[in-house]
């Protein structure tokens, strides 16, 4: 068997046509593998794939000023859909507040929720090992019907799905940070960016962290009228608070409890409702509340107060002492890189009607208002920023590893050519990494992304493939020096002899990596090790021998021809 393989290698490296075919085929495979990432997008890149969790949360946000009863209507609609899911064990609804903090809620600001127009619904699922459908696929399936039916109940209602992150926690997959010195200008620009996100395929759960400006009404007490009417101001304040908020009016003693039980009084839910959102409805409601003065006369509250219209005060956000706001979007089972690039291109094409746009950095933009000359900055953050930083860091680690290996080999062999051959043989494993992700994507239901863990596997392959090439070169050198073989015979015999241990090592790596291939997060690492090792073995046994043959090994090894010795004799 080894003799046959030795003859195959010997014929391959001695034939100019076969050498050319091997090198051209390798180059073509490398180019095609790179084209799978761009521009064909057959293999998509993402920081981390979806994680199969045992829980996720649904956030509901109504328009500012909405009542708790309206919020409950929306959550009841959501719960109605969720209850039909067999994999849902239990549901908890938190009205007007955030749920107890978890990993995702800590970053998304759940602890700041304290208003009647917000709610969180926490779902607990059966254990992931006992169900076929992963949680991220369940979220994708449930999102559309719930949003279409429940968001339509009240205008400007937003329903979003939040899962515990698979990696570093971020506010959203894509976050557009908009900076500027003018609040109205930031609001206008944020709304335009939000519209771009809504029209970008793959982006869901779009939200802007700006408060809507809505109508409010202030009740001002006319102290002169109160004094003349014989009504106490404290009495007026108490009835307003008692009617709409409720207050403690007495206590009740109990034989079962050591402490007194407070008794609260307020209007019924129906009595608190206004017929419409205008000043006349408020006057009619307050006119029904009357106070008794010292002479026993009932005086309507509207005779003692003045009702004034006023716009709400929106929240002012800042980061690093700079005024800003965030426009956030999640991705629907796609990588965040490609929707962001599409949204950015749309901004560059359509925002020129009002802004002068200048590119800053790799993706960020600087926008100058043509009329007011106000300057705004659009900076990208979220998982996209983490992805960019991670891939840059891993890319730097990969390049550093290649440089260090190259320098080490130069010191060892005192030859740039041999060091370059070892480096090239290591780098060719990227063909297997990319092709392996494409193969897995074909055979899996959801998209199999090229992730950060995939790059970690690729970096780990450098040492394995370098070792294979190192063994071939050292054995070839020994055969030439000790046995007097010419380079063609030495290369062929070294390759055939080392093929068995190389394949056994590769088999051990592949079998061990199959345990990782099925994991949601570390699947990319397993696939990179499996297919990258296969590519590294092929490169070591076919490409490296050709490169060694066309290099001047006699010069590098200081070979002097002498009487040949049997290769069966010990070295």
Protein backbone atom coordinates (compact mmCIF):
# COMPACT_ATOMS: atom_id res chain seq x y z
CA UNK A 1 0.00 0.00 0.00
CA UNK A 2 2.76 2.43 0.97
CA UNK A 3 4.73 1.48 -2.14
CA UNK A 4 1.75 2.33 -4.35
CA UNK A 5 1.25 5.66 -2.65
CA UNK A 6 5.00 6.36 -2.93
CA UNK A 7 4.82 5.73 -6.67
CA UNK A 8 1.81 8.03 -6.98
CA UNK A 9 3.62 10.85 -5.18
CA UNK A 10 6.82 10.25 -7.18
CA UNK A 11 4.95 10.40 -10.49
CA UNK A 12 3.04 13.48 -9.40
CA UNK A 13 6.07 15.52 -8.43
CA UNK A 14 8.23 14.45 -11.41
CA UNK A 15 5.58 15.17 -14.04
CA UNK A 16 5.40 18.89 -14.94
CA UNK A 17 1.79 18.49 -16.06
CA UNK A 18 0.69 16.84 -12.84
CA UNK A 19 2.58 19.39 -10.74
CA UNK A 20 0.84 22.17 -12.64
CA UNK A 21 -2.56 20.52 -12.17
CA UNK A 22 -2.03 20.12 -8.41
CA UNK A 23 -0.94 23.72 -7.94
CA UNK A 24 -3.63 25.18 -10.22
CA UNK A 25 -6.30 23.00 -8.58
CA UNK A 26 -5.18 24.17 -5.14
CA UNK A 27 -5.26 27.82 -6.23
CA UNK A 28 -8.69 27.37 -7.80
CA UNK A 29 -10.03 25.68 -4.63
CA UNK A 30 -8.69 28.53 -2.52
CA UNK A 31 -10.28 31.20 -4.75
CA UNK A 32 -13.62 29.38 -4.84
CA UNK A 33 -13.62 28.95 -1.05
CA UNK A 34 -13.01 32.68 -0.55
CA UNK A 35 -15.81 33.45 -3.03
CA UNK A 36 -18.17 31.37 -0.88
CA UNK A 37 -17.94 34.14 1.72
CA UNK A 38 -17.97 37.10 -0.68
CA UNK A 39 -19.53 37.88 -3.04
CA UNK A 40 -21.70 34.74 -3.33
CA UNK A 41 -22.51 34.67 0.43
CA UNK A 42 -22.82 30.89 0.36
CA UNK A 43 -21.14 30.92 3.79
CA UNK A 44 -22.33 33.68 6.13
CA UNK A 45 -20.33 35.14 9.00
CA UNK A 46 -21.79 35.85 12.44
CA UNK A 47 -20.41 36.42 15.92
CA UNK A 48 -22.25 33.45 17.45
CA UNK A 49 -25.18 31.33 16.24
CA UNK A 50 -28.51 31.14 18.02
CA UNK A 51 -28.45 29.52 21.45
CA UNK A 52 -31.03 26.94 22.46
CA UNK A 53 -32.35 28.26 25.80
CA UNK A 54 -34.95 27.00 28.27
CA UNK A 55 -36.51 30.46 28.61
CA UNK A 56 -37.06 33.73 26.77
CA UNK A 57 -38.92 36.98 27.40
CA UNK A 58 -41.47 38.97 25.40
CA UNK A 59 -41.37 42.76 25.89
CA UNK A 60 -44.53 44.78 25.21
CA UNK A 61 -44.39 48.55 24.98
CA UNK A 62 -47.43 50.69 24.25
CA UNK A 63 -47.51 54.37 23.36
CA UNK A 64 -46.57 56.72 26.19
CA UNK A 65 -49.59 57.64 28.26
CA UNK A 66 -51.34 54.29 27.74
CA UNK A 67 -53.17 52.87 30.75
CA UNK A 68 -52.40 49.67 32.59
CA UNK A 69 -55.68 48.19 31.35
CA UNK A 70 -54.62 48.75 27.74
CA UNK A 71 -51.28 47.12 28.48
CA UNK A 72 -53.11 44.16 29.97
CA UNK A 73 -55.21 43.77 26.82
CA UNK A 74 -52.05 43.44 24.74
CA UNK A 75 -50.39 40.99 27.16
CA UNK A 76 -53.58 38.91 27.29
CA UNK A 77 -53.45 38.67 23.49
CA UNK A 78 -49.81 37.53 23.62
CA UNK A 79 -50.52 35.01 26.38
CA UNK A 80 -53.41 33.62 24.33
CA UNK A 81 -50.98 32.70 21.53
CA UNK A 82 -48.28 31.42 23.86
CA UNK A 83 -50.64 29.11 25.74
CA UNK A 84 -51.15 27.11 22.55
CA UNK A 85 -47.49 26.06 22.55
CA UNK A 86 -46.99 22.58 23.97
CA UNK A 87 -43.36 23.24 24.90
CA UNK A 88 -44.24 26.18 27.17
CA UNK A 89 -44.34 25.04 30.80
CA UNK A 90 -45.41 28.25 32.54
CA UNK A 91 -45.89 31.96 31.86
CA UNK A 92 -45.33 34.96 34.12
CA UNK A 93 -46.67 38.42 33.27
CA UNK A 94 -45.18 41.55 34.85
CA UNK A 95 -47.47 44.55 34.22
CA UNK A 96 -46.04 48.02 34.53
CA UNK A 97 -42.63 46.74 35.58
CA UNK A 98 -39.72 44.63 34.42
CA UNK A 99 -39.21 40.98 35.27
CA UNK A 100 -36.55 39.90 37.77
CA UNK A 101 -33.18 40.64 36.23
CA UNK A 102 -31.51 38.04 34.05
CA UNK A 103 -28.47 38.19 31.79
CA UNK A 104 -30.32 39.92 28.94
CA UNK A 105 -32.51 42.18 31.08
CA UNK A 106 -29.49 43.61 32.87
CA UNK A 107 -28.18 45.04 29.59
CA UNK A 108 -31.55 45.98 28.10
CA UNK A 109 -32.57 48.00 31.17
CA UNK A 110 -35.48 45.94 32.50
CA UNK A 111 -34.88 47.34 36.00
CA UNK A 112 -35.73 50.84 34.74
CA UNK A 113 -39.24 49.89 33.64
CA UNK A 114 -41.83 51.53 35.87
CA UNK A 115 -44.77 52.83 33.87
CA UNK A 116 -48.22 51.65 32.90
CA UNK A 117 -47.42 51.27 29.21
CA UNK A 118 -44.80 48.50 29.58
CA UNK A 119 -44.91 44.82 30.49
CA UNK A 120 -42.74 41.73 30.29
CA UNK A 121 -43.86 38.14 29.72
CA UNK A 122 -41.42 35.44 30.83
CA UNK A 123 -41.79 31.97 29.28
CA UNK A 124 -40.22 28.81 30.66
CA UNK A 125 -39.84 25.94 28.20
CA UNK A 126 -39.23 22.24 28.53
CA UNK A 127 -35.59 21.26 28.76
CA UNK A 128 -33.76 21.61 25.45
CA UNK A 129 -32.76 17.94 25.50
CA UNK A 130 -36.44 16.94 25.55
CA UNK A 131 -37.66 18.97 22.57
CA UNK A 132 -36.86 18.95 18.88
CA UNK A 133 -37.40 22.64 18.12
CA UNK A 134 -34.71 24.96 19.55
CA UNK A 135 -35.82 28.12 21.30
CA UNK A 136 -34.49 30.47 18.60
CA UNK A 137 -36.55 28.66 15.95
CA UNK A 138 -39.59 28.86 18.21
CA UNK A 139 -39.09 32.60 18.60
CA UNK A 140 -38.82 33.03 14.84
CA UNK A 141 -42.03 31.06 14.27
CA UNK A 142 -44.04 32.85 16.97
CA UNK A 143 -42.89 36.40 16.28
CA UNK A 144 -44.88 37.16 13.12
CA UNK A 145 -48.41 36.00 14.19
CA UNK A 146 -48.10 37.58 17.64
CA UNK A 147 -46.90 40.92 16.27
CA UNK A 148 -49.49 41.00 13.46
CA UNK A 149 -52.42 40.31 15.80
CA UNK A 150 -51.45 41.90 19.12
CA UNK A 151 -49.68 45.04 17.91
CA UNK A 152 -52.81 45.98 15.97
CA UNK A 153 -54.89 46.33 19.16
CA UNK A 154 -53.49 49.79 19.93
CA UNK A 155 -51.55 52.16 17.72
CA UNK A 156 -47.77 52.43 18.21
CA UNK A 157 -47.58 49.18 20.16
CA UNK A 158 -44.25 47.37 19.99
CA UNK A 159 -43.74 43.68 20.85
CA UNK A 160 -40.23 42.25 20.86
CA UNK A 161 -38.71 38.88 21.73
CA UNK A 162 -35.60 38.75 23.90
CA UNK A 163 -33.47 35.64 24.37
CA UNK A 164 -30.54 35.13 26.75
CA UNK A 165 -27.47 35.92 24.64
CA UNK A 166 -25.18 33.17 23.43
CA UNK A 167 -22.12 35.33 24.04
CA UNK A 168 -21.31 38.82 25.29
CA UNK A 169 -24.53 40.66 26.25
CA UNK A 170 -25.45 43.58 24.01
CA UNK A 171 -28.45 45.89 23.72
CA UNK A 172 -29.38 44.43 20.34
CA UNK A 173 -27.88 42.78 17.29
CA UNK A 174 -27.63 46.16 15.55
CA UNK A 175 -27.53 49.46 17.44
CA UNK A 176 -27.26 52.81 15.66
CA UNK A 177 -26.00 55.44 18.11
CA UNK A 178 -26.96 58.94 16.95
CA UNK A 179 -25.06 61.84 18.53
CA UNK A 180 -25.71 65.55 18.23
CA UNK A 181 -26.31 68.82 20.08
CA UNK A 182 -29.91 69.34 18.97
CA UNK A 183 -32.61 67.15 20.54
CA UNK A 184 -35.13 67.71 17.73
CA UNK A 185 -32.50 66.95 15.11
CA UNK A 186 -31.51 63.73 16.88
CA UNK A 187 -35.17 62.70 17.08
CA UNK A 188 -35.75 63.41 13.38
CA UNK A 189 -32.62 61.53 12.30
CA UNK A 190 -33.45 58.59 14.60
CA UNK A 191 -36.92 58.31 13.07
CA UNK A 192 -35.45 58.21 9.58
CA UNK A 193 -32.94 55.53 10.57
CA UNK A 194 -35.78 53.55 12.16
CA UNK A 195 -37.73 53.68 8.87
CA UNK A 196 -34.66 52.39 7.03
CA UNK A 197 -34.40 49.48 9.47
CA UNK A 198 -38.08 48.65 9.01
CA UNK A 199 -37.57 48.37 5.25
CA UNK A 200 -34.42 46.22 5.53
CA UNK A 201 -34.89 42.47 5.11
CA UNK A 202 -33.80 40.40 8.07
CA UNK A 203 -34.29 43.09 10.74
CA UNK A 204 -37.06 42.68 13.33
CA UNK A 205 -38.04 44.06 16.76
CA UNK A 206 -37.03 47.58 15.74
CA UNK A 207 -37.17 50.18 18.50
CA UNK A 208 -35.92 53.71 19.11
CA UNK A 209 -34.97 54.82 22.59
CA UNK A 210 -36.77 58.16 22.45
CA UNK A 211 -39.92 59.10 24.30
CA UNK A 212 -42.89 60.14 22.23
CA UNK A 213 -44.11 63.65 22.82
CA UNK A 214 -47.74 63.35 23.89
CA UNK A 215 -50.41 65.60 25.39
CA UNK A 216 -50.48 66.07 29.15
CA UNK A 217 -52.75 68.19 31.30
CA UNK A 218 -51.75 69.96 34.48
CA UNK A 219 -54.18 70.87 37.26
CA UNK A 220 -53.35 74.19 38.88
CA UNK A 221 -55.10 75.04 42.13
CA UNK A 222 -56.54 78.57 42.34
CA UNK A 223 -55.68 79.41 45.94
CA UNK A 224 -57.90 82.54 45.92
CA UNK A 225 -61.02 80.59 44.94
CA UNK A 226 -60.18 77.85 47.42
CA UNK A 227 -59.89 80.40 50.25
CA UNK A 228 -63.17 82.09 49.35
CA UNK A 229 -65.07 78.81 48.98
CA UNK A 230 -64.17 77.65 52.48
CA UNK A 231 -62.45 74.47 51.24
CA UNK A 232 -59.10 73.36 52.57
CA UNK A 233 -56.32 72.83 49.98
CA UNK A 234 -55.30 69.59 51.68
CA UNK A 235 -58.88 68.39 51.30
CA UNK A 236 -58.70 69.16 47.57
CA UNK A 237 -55.39 67.31 47.13
CA UNK A 238 -56.68 64.30 49.06
CA UNK A 239 -59.81 63.84 46.97
CA UNK A 240 -57.84 64.01 43.71
CA UNK A 241 -55.31 61.49 44.93
CA UNK A 242 -57.96 59.28 46.53
CA UNK A 243 -60.09 59.21 43.40
CA UNK A 244 -57.46 58.23 40.84
CA UNK A 245 -54.55 56.71 42.78
CA UNK A 246 -56.24 55.47 45.94
CA UNK A 247 -55.10 56.03 49.48
CA UNK A 248 -55.36 54.51 52.92
CA UNK A 249 -58.39 55.84 54.81
CA UNK A 250 -58.50 53.52 57.79
CA UNK A 251 -57.21 50.28 59.25
CA UNK A 252 -58.75 47.02 60.38
CA UNK A 253 -57.66 44.90 63.30
CA UNK A 254 -57.43 41.13 62.92
CA UNK A 255 -57.01 38.21 65.29
CA UNK A 256 -54.81 36.40 62.72
CA UNK A 257 -52.22 39.13 62.08
CA UNK A 258 -50.13 41.14 64.47
CA UNK A 259 -50.22 44.25 62.31
CA UNK A 260 -53.24 46.31 61.31
CA UNK A 261 -54.67 45.74 57.86
CA UNK A 262 -54.89 48.98 55.82
CA UNK A 263 -58.13 49.84 54.00
CA UNK A 264 -57.73 51.61 50.66
CA UNK A 265 -60.33 53.65 48.83
CA UNK A 266 -60.36 54.75 45.19
CA UNK A 267 -62.73 55.07 42.26
CA UNK A 268 -63.64 51.94 40.34
CA UNK A 269 -61.81 51.19 37.11
CA UNK A 270 -64.78 52.28 35.01
CA UNK A 271 -65.12 55.53 36.94
CA UNK A 272 -61.46 56.36 36.35
CA UNK A 273 -61.74 56.09 32.58
CA UNK A 274 -62.05 59.22 30.45
CA UNK A 275 -64.34 59.29 27.46
CA UNK A 276 -61.58 60.75 25.26
CA UNK A 277 -58.12 62.26 25.49
CA UNK A 278 -58.97 65.96 25.50
CA UNK A 279 -59.44 68.77 27.97
CA UNK A 280 -63.24 68.62 27.84
CA UNK A 281 -63.32 64.98 28.95
CA UNK A 282 -61.08 65.87 31.89
CA UNK A 283 -63.33 68.78 32.90
CA UNK A 284 -66.41 66.56 32.75
CA UNK A 285 -64.74 63.92 34.93
CA UNK A 286 -63.51 66.45 37.52
CA UNK A 287 -66.89 68.19 37.61
CA UNK A 288 -68.39 64.97 38.93
CA UNK A 289 -66.14 65.22 42.00
CA UNK A 290 -67.49 67.66 44.60
CA UNK A 291 -66.13 68.93 47.92
CA UNK A 292 -68.21 70.03 50.92
CA UNK A 293 -67.16 73.36 52.42
CA UNK A 294 -67.59 74.56 56.00
CA UNK A 295 -71.17 75.72 55.28
CA UNK A 296 -72.20 72.30 53.94
CA UNK A 297 -72.27 73.32 50.28
CA UNK A 298 -71.00 70.95 47.55
CA UNK A 299 -68.53 72.64 45.24
CA UNK A 300 -67.33 70.99 41.97
CA UNK A 301 -63.57 70.67 41.72
CA UNK A 302 -63.59 72.43 38.34
CA UNK A 303 -64.61 75.65 40.18
CA UNK A 304 -61.39 75.56 42.20
CA UNK A 305 -58.75 74.52 39.62
CA UNK A 306 -57.49 75.46 36.17
CA UNK A 307 -56.63 72.77 33.62
CA UNK A 308 -53.77 73.60 31.24
CA UNK A 309 -52.51 71.67 28.22
CA UNK A 310 -48.80 70.85 28.11
CA UNK A 311 -46.54 68.64 26.00
CA UNK A 312 -44.75 65.85 27.81
CA UNK A 313 -41.08 66.17 28.70
CA UNK A 314 -39.14 63.53 26.74
CA UNK A 315 -36.20 61.73 28.29
CA UNK A 316 -32.78 63.13 27.41
CA UNK A 317 -30.18 60.38 26.92
CA UNK A 318 -26.44 60.85 26.99
CA UNK A 319 -23.35 58.71 26.69
CA UNK A 320 -19.92 59.90 27.77
CA UNK A 321 -21.53 63.30 28.44
CA UNK A 322 -22.72 63.58 24.81
CA UNK A 323 -26.42 63.80 23.96
CA UNK A 324 -27.53 60.80 21.92
CA UNK A 325 -30.17 58.16 21.31
CA UNK A 326 -30.21 54.54 20.12
CA UNK A 327 -32.05 52.89 17.25
CA UNK A 328 -32.04 49.12 17.83
CA UNK A 329 -32.93 46.10 15.74
CA UNK A 330 -32.65 42.34 16.09
CA UNK A 331 -31.88 39.93 13.27
CA UNK A 332 -34.28 37.19 12.23
CA UNK A 333 -32.04 34.10 11.91
CA UNK A 334 -29.56 36.00 9.73
CA UNK A 335 -26.13 37.47 10.32
CA UNK A 336 -26.20 41.08 11.49
CA UNK A 337 -23.40 42.03 9.08
CA UNK A 338 -25.37 41.90 5.83
CA UNK A 339 -28.55 43.77 6.93
CA UNK A 340 -26.32 46.46 8.45
CA UNK A 341 -24.44 46.91 5.18
CA UNK A 342 -27.74 47.11 3.30
CA UNK A 343 -29.14 49.66 5.77
CA UNK A 344 -25.94 51.70 5.62
CA UNK A 345 -26.03 51.77 1.81
CA UNK A 346 -29.65 52.93 1.93
CA UNK A 347 -28.70 55.74 4.32
CA UNK A 348 -25.87 56.82 2.02
CA UNK A 349 -28.22 56.85 -0.98
CA UNK A 350 -31.36 58.46 0.51
CA UNK A 351 -30.20 60.82 3.27
CA UNK A 352 -28.35 63.11 0.86
CA UNK A 353 -31.54 65.12 0.37
CA UNK A 354 -31.05 66.76 3.79
CA UNK A 355 -27.52 65.89 4.93
CA UNK A 356 -23.95 66.08 3.72
CA UNK A 357 -22.62 62.61 4.52
CA UNK A 358 -19.00 61.82 5.33
CA UNK A 359 -17.62 58.37 6.13
CA UNK A 360 -15.64 58.09 9.35
CA UNK A 361 -13.85 54.90 10.28
CA UNK A 362 -14.91 51.61 8.74
CA UNK A 363 -18.72 51.88 8.93
CA UNK A 364 -19.57 55.05 10.89
CA UNK A 365 -21.02 58.18 9.31
CA UNK A 366 -20.94 61.93 9.93
CA UNK A 367 -24.03 63.83 8.78
CA UNK A 368 -24.21 67.61 8.46
CA UNK A 369 -27.63 69.25 8.08
CA UNK A 370 -27.60 71.34 4.90
CA UNK A 371 -29.96 73.99 6.34
CA UNK A 372 -28.91 74.37 9.98
CA UNK A 373 -25.30 73.10 9.57
CA UNK A 374 -25.83 71.00 12.71
CA UNK A 375 -23.48 68.01 12.84
CA UNK A 376 -24.66 64.50 13.81
CA UNK A 377 -22.74 61.26 14.08
CA UNK A 378 -24.08 57.77 13.41
CA UNK A 379 -21.96 55.13 15.15
CA UNK A 380 -22.69 51.41 14.98
CA UNK A 381 -22.76 49.34 18.15
CA UNK A 382 -24.37 46.18 19.51
CA UNK A 383 -23.49 42.66 18.41
CA UNK A 384 -22.19 44.12 15.15
CA UNK A 385 -19.50 46.04 17.03
CA UNK A 386 -18.66 42.98 19.14
CA UNK A 387 -18.46 40.88 15.97
CA UNK A 388 -16.16 43.38 14.30
CA UNK A 389 -13.89 43.63 17.34
CA UNK A 390 -13.82 39.85 17.78
CA UNK A 391 -13.03 39.08 14.16
CA UNK A 392 -10.35 41.78 14.09
CA UNK A 393 -8.76 40.39 17.27
CA UNK A 394 -8.94 36.80 16.02
CA UNK A 395 -7.58 37.89 12.65
CA UNK A 396 -4.69 39.61 14.41
CA UNK A 397 -4.09 36.46 16.47
CA UNK A 398 -4.09 34.37 13.29
CA UNK A 399 -1.61 36.65 11.54
CA UNK A 400 0.57 36.74 14.65
CA UNK A 401 0.58 32.94 14.79
CA UNK A 402 1.62 32.72 11.13
CA UNK A 403 4.40 35.26 11.60
CA UNK A 404 5.73 33.56 14.72
CA UNK A 405 5.68 30.14 13.06
CA UNK A 406 7.43 31.61 10.01
CA UNK A 407 10.15 33.25 12.11
CA UNK A 408 10.63 30.09 14.15
CA UNK A 409 11.02 28.01 10.99
CA UNK A 410 13.45 30.55 9.53
CA UNK A 411 15.59 30.24 12.64
CA UNK A 412 15.37 26.43 12.51
CA UNK A 413 15.92 25.85 8.78
CA UNK A 414 17.75 29.09 7.94
CA UNK A 415 15.63 29.16 4.79
CA UNK A 416 12.80 31.51 3.84
CA UNK A 417 11.65 29.10 1.12
CA UNK A 418 11.10 26.13 3.41
CA UNK A 419 9.47 28.34 6.03
CA UNK A 420 7.14 29.71 3.37
CA UNK A 421 6.18 26.17 2.30
CA UNK A 422 5.28 25.25 5.88
CA UNK A 423 3.29 28.49 6.21
CA UNK A 424 1.43 27.94 2.94
CA UNK A 425 0.59 24.36 3.87
CA UNK A 426 -0.89 25.60 7.13
CA UNK A 427 -2.87 28.36 5.48
CA UNK A 428 -4.50 26.00 2.97
CA UNK A 429 -6.56 24.45 5.77
CA UNK A 430 -8.87 27.46 5.41
CA UNK A 431 -10.28 25.77 2.28
CA UNK A 432 -11.59 22.91 4.40
CA UNK A 433 -12.94 25.29 7.07
CA UNK A 434 -15.03 27.28 4.59
CA UNK A 435 -16.19 24.29 2.53
CA UNK A 436 -17.08 22.44 5.74
CA UNK A 437 -19.37 25.27 6.86
CA UNK A 438 -21.06 25.25 3.46
CA UNK A 439 -21.61 21.48 3.68
CA UNK A 440 -23.08 21.79 7.19
CA UNK A 441 -25.33 24.63 6.04
CA UNK A 442 -26.75 22.37 3.31
CA UNK A 443 -27.60 19.59 5.76
CA UNK A 444 -28.95 21.69 8.67
CA UNK A 445 -32.39 23.27 8.98
CA UNK A 446 -31.13 26.69 10.07
CA UNK A 447 -28.18 28.67 8.76
CA UNK A 448 -24.78 27.33 9.81
CA UNK A 449 -22.67 30.45 10.28
CA UNK A 450 -18.93 30.98 10.17
CA UNK A 451 -18.54 32.15 13.76
CA UNK A 452 -15.88 33.33 16.17
CA UNK A 453 -15.43 29.75 17.39
CA UNK A 454 -14.80 28.72 13.78
CA UNK A 455 -11.88 31.13 13.62
CA UNK A 456 -10.55 29.73 16.89
CA UNK A 457 -10.59 26.28 15.28
CA UNK A 458 -8.80 27.64 12.23
CA UNK A 459 -6.05 29.14 14.41
CA UNK A 460 -5.72 25.82 16.24
CA UNK A 461 -5.24 24.04 12.89
CA UNK A 462 -2.11 26.04 12.11
CA UNK A 463 -0.04 24.07 14.59
CA UNK A 464 -1.40 20.72 13.39
CA UNK A 465 -0.78 21.34 9.70
CA UNK A 466 2.63 22.93 10.40
CA UNK A 467 3.65 19.79 12.27
CA UNK A 468 2.74 17.63 9.26
CA UNK A 469 4.89 19.70 6.91
CA UNK A 470 7.71 19.83 9.43
CA UNK A 471 7.82 16.02 9.68
CA UNK A 472 7.96 15.66 5.89
CA UNK A 473 10.78 18.17 5.51
CA UNK A 474 12.87 16.73 8.34
CA UNK A 475 12.45 13.15 7.11
CA UNK A 476 13.27 14.22 3.56
CA UNK A 477 16.41 15.96 4.80
CA UNK A 478 17.50 12.85 6.70
CA UNK A 479 16.98 10.62 3.67
CA UNK A 480 19.03 12.92 1.49
CA UNK A 481 21.89 13.32 3.97
CA UNK A 482 22.03 9.83 5.46
CA UNK A 483 20.85 7.67 2.56
CA UNK A 484 22.10 9.71 -0.35
CA UNK A 485 18.68 9.78 -2.06
CA UNK A 486 17.91 12.47 -4.58
CA UNK A 487 15.12 14.84 -3.64
CA UNK A 488 12.35 13.23 -5.74
CA UNK A 489 12.86 9.79 -4.21
CA UNK A 490 13.39 11.26 -0.74
CA UNK A 491 10.22 13.35 -0.91
CA UNK A 492 8.11 10.45 -2.19
CA UNK A 493 9.43 7.98 0.40
CA UNK A 494 9.06 10.52 3.25
CA UNK A 495 5.49 11.33 2.23
CA UNK A 496 4.46 7.68 1.96
CA UNK A 497 6.10 6.80 5.27
CA UNK A 498 4.61 9.70 7.19
CA UNK A 499 1.16 9.32 5.61
CA UNK A 500 0.04 6.73 8.17
CA UNK A 501 0.88 8.71 11.34
CA UNK A 502 -0.51 11.88 9.73
CA UNK A 503 -3.80 10.15 8.98
CA UNK A 504 -4.01 8.56 12.43
CA UNK A 505 -3.48 11.95 14.05
CA UNK A 506 -6.11 13.46 11.77
CA UNK A 507 -8.57 10.67 12.59
CA UNK A 508 -8.12 11.29 16.32
CA UNK A 509 -8.78 15.01 15.86
CA UNK A 510 -11.83 14.39 13.66
CA UNK A 511 -13.42 11.86 16.02
CA UNK A 512 -12.84 14.09 19.03
CA UNK A 513 -14.27 17.14 17.21
CA UNK A 514 -17.53 15.39 16.32
CA UNK A 515 -18.60 15.93 19.93
CA UNK A 516 -18.37 19.69 19.38
CA UNK A 517 -19.97 19.76 15.92
CA UNK A 518 -23.51 19.34 17.29
CA UNK A 519 -23.24 22.10 19.88
CA UNK A 520 -25.11 25.34 19.18
CA UNK A 521 -22.25 27.64 20.18
CA UNK A 522 -19.12 25.53 19.60
CA UNK A 523 -20.38 23.79 16.47
CA UNK A 524 -18.25 26.09 14.32
CA UNK A 525 -15.14 25.05 16.25
CA UNK A 526 -15.91 21.36 15.72
CA UNK A 527 -16.64 21.75 12.00
CA UNK A 528 -13.50 23.86 11.49
CA UNK A 529 -11.35 21.20 13.14
CA UNK A 530 -12.97 18.32 11.20
CA UNK A 531 -12.92 19.74 7.68
CA UNK A 532 -9.80 21.85 8.25
CA UNK A 533 -7.89 18.76 9.33
CA UNK A 534 -9.00 16.94 6.16
CA UNK A 535 -7.78 19.86 4.05
CA UNK A 536 -4.52 20.00 6.02
CA UNK A 537 -3.88 16.27 5.39
CA UNK A 538 -4.53 16.66 1.65
CA UNK A 539 -2.23 19.69 1.52
CA UNK A 540 0.50 17.86 3.45
CA UNK A 541 0.43 14.74 1.27
CA UNK A 542 0.01 16.31 -2.18
CA UNK A 543 0.67 20.06 -2.25
CA UNK A 544 3.67 20.26 0.11
CA UNK A 545 5.61 17.51 -1.78
CA UNK A 546 5.16 19.43 -5.04
CA UNK A 547 6.36 22.67 -3.42
CA UNK A 548 9.35 20.86 -1.94
CA UNK A 549 10.26 19.38 -5.32
CA UNK A 550 10.21 22.69 -7.18
CA UNK A 551 12.33 24.30 -4.47
CA UNK A 552 16.10 23.90 -4.46
CA UNK A 553 16.38 21.38 -1.63
CA UNK A 554 19.98 20.51 -2.49
CA UNK A 555 20.96 24.08 -1.80
CA UNK A 556 18.85 24.41 1.34
CA UNK A 557 20.10 21.10 2.78
CA UNK A 558 23.67 21.52 1.48
CA UNK A 559 23.26 18.16 -0.28
CA UNK A 560 26.31 16.51 -1.86
CA UNK A 561 25.75 13.43 -3.95
CA UNK A 562 27.29 10.25 -2.58
CA UNK A 563 26.81 6.50 -2.83
CA UNK A 564 23.22 5.59 -2.03
CA UNK A 565 22.45 3.42 0.96
CA UNK A 566 19.46 1.09 1.27
CA UNK A 567 16.49 2.91 2.70
CA UNK A 568 15.77 -0.14 4.87
CA UNK A 569 18.96 0.46 6.84
CA UNK A 570 18.48 2.48 10.00
CA UNK A 571 19.30 6.15 9.86
